Each structure stands twice: as C-alpha cells, then as structure tokens.
Amino acid sequence: MKILTHYERIGGKENVRALVQRFYQLMDELPEAYGIRKLHAEDLQGATDKLYKFLSGWMGGPQLYVE
C-alpha cells in the first residue's frame, strides 16, 4: 500500500493553488488580518506564487520553491 503525501491527499497542484488563493482572499476580507495584509505589496501575485511553491514542497509535492 502506497502512503500518500499531504500534497497528494489534498489533490495536488490545483488544490494547493486554491488553498493559497483562499488564504489571501481571507487576508483581504478579515479585519483581524489587516495588519499582516499591510505588510504585503498591493499586488499579491509574487507572494501568492512563492507561497504556492513553498507549500507544494512542504506538503511532499514538487520542490518548486527550492528550485
């Protein structure tokens, strides 16, 4: 029996991307995240891409952040 990585368990690339998108969406919507959101650039594309790459490797998927 093959043991699945967390990356595989949540559905791979598309679901990791969806998780990251939801994270930043909530950061924009929740008042308690205001201070942290202001530490980021107005355009979140760079942060979104970095977090996606980091989480992919951290969850046992492709080591995109390291590459």
Protein backbone atom coordinates (compact mmCIF):
# COMPACT_ATOMS: atom_id res chain seq x y z
CA MET A 1 0.00 0.00 0.00
CA LYS A 2 1.40 3.37 -1.07
CA ILE A 3 1.45 6.10 1.56
CA LEU A 4 0.20 9.36 0.08
CA THR A 5 1.88 12.70 0.73
CA HIS A 6 -0.19 15.58 2.05
CA TYR A 7 0.19 17.13 -1.42
CA GLU A 8 -1.45 14.07 -2.97
CA ARG A 9 -4.11 13.83 -0.26
CA ILE A 10 -5.42 17.32 -0.88
CA GLY A 11 -5.48 16.83 -4.64
CA GLY A 12 -2.19 18.21 -5.91
CA LYS A 13 -1.41 21.37 -7.81
CA GLU A 14 -4.92 22.73 -8.36
CA ASN A 15 -5.97 22.35 -4.73
CA VAL A 16 -2.75 23.81 -3.34
CA ARG A 17 -3.30 26.82 -5.62
CA ALA A 18 -6.92 27.07 -4.44
CA LEU A 19 -5.75 26.94 -0.80
CA VAL A 20 -3.29 29.77 -1.37
CA GLN A 21 -5.88 31.85 -3.23
CA ARG A 22 -8.36 31.39 -0.39
CA PHE A 23 -5.72 32.32 2.19
CA TYR A 24 -5.02 35.65 0.51
CA GLN A 25 -8.72 36.24 -0.11
CA LEU A 26 -9.36 35.88 3.60
CA MET A 27 -6.42 38.13 4.37
CA ASP A 28 -8.15 40.84 2.33
CA GLU A 29 -11.56 40.25 3.93
CA LEU A 30 -10.90 39.68 7.63
CA PRO A 31 -10.38 42.75 9.81
CA GLU A 32 -8.07 40.81 12.13
CA ALA A 33 -5.70 40.17 9.19
CA TYR A 34 -5.44 43.88 8.31
CA GLY A 35 -2.03 44.40 9.94
CA ILE A 36 -0.45 41.39 8.26
CA ARG A 37 -2.02 42.24 4.90
CA LYS A 38 -0.48 45.71 5.01
CA LEU A 39 2.98 44.09 5.23
CA HIS A 40 2.41 42.71 1.72
CA ALA A 41 2.50 44.56 -1.58
CA GLU A 42 -0.79 45.74 -3.05
CA ASP A 43 -0.37 43.18 -5.85
CA LEU A 44 -0.22 39.74 -4.25
CA GLN A 45 0.89 37.81 -7.34
CA GLY A 46 4.50 37.43 -6.17
CA ALA A 47 3.51 36.40 -2.64
CA THR A 48 0.88 34.01 -3.99
CA ASP A 49 3.39 32.32 -6.28
CA LYS A 50 6.02 32.00 -3.53
CA LEU A 51 3.55 30.54 -1.02
CA TYR A 52 2.26 28.07 -3.61
CA LYS A 53 5.78 26.91 -4.42
CA PHE A 54 6.73 26.65 -0.74
CA LEU A 55 3.60 24.71 0.26
CA SER A 56 3.96 22.33 -2.68
CA GLY A 57 7.34 21.15 -1.44
CA TRP A 58 6.45 21.33 2.25
CA MET A 59 3.47 19.03 1.64
CA GLY A 60 5.59 16.47 -0.19
CA GLY A 61 4.98 17.60 -3.76
CA PRO A 62 7.38 19.13 -6.25
CA GLN A 63 10.22 21.14 -4.67
CA LEU A 64 9.36 24.26 -6.68
CA TYR A 65 10.48 26.77 -4.06
CA VAL A 66 13.90 25.15 -3.70
CA GLU A 67 14.42 25.07 -7.46
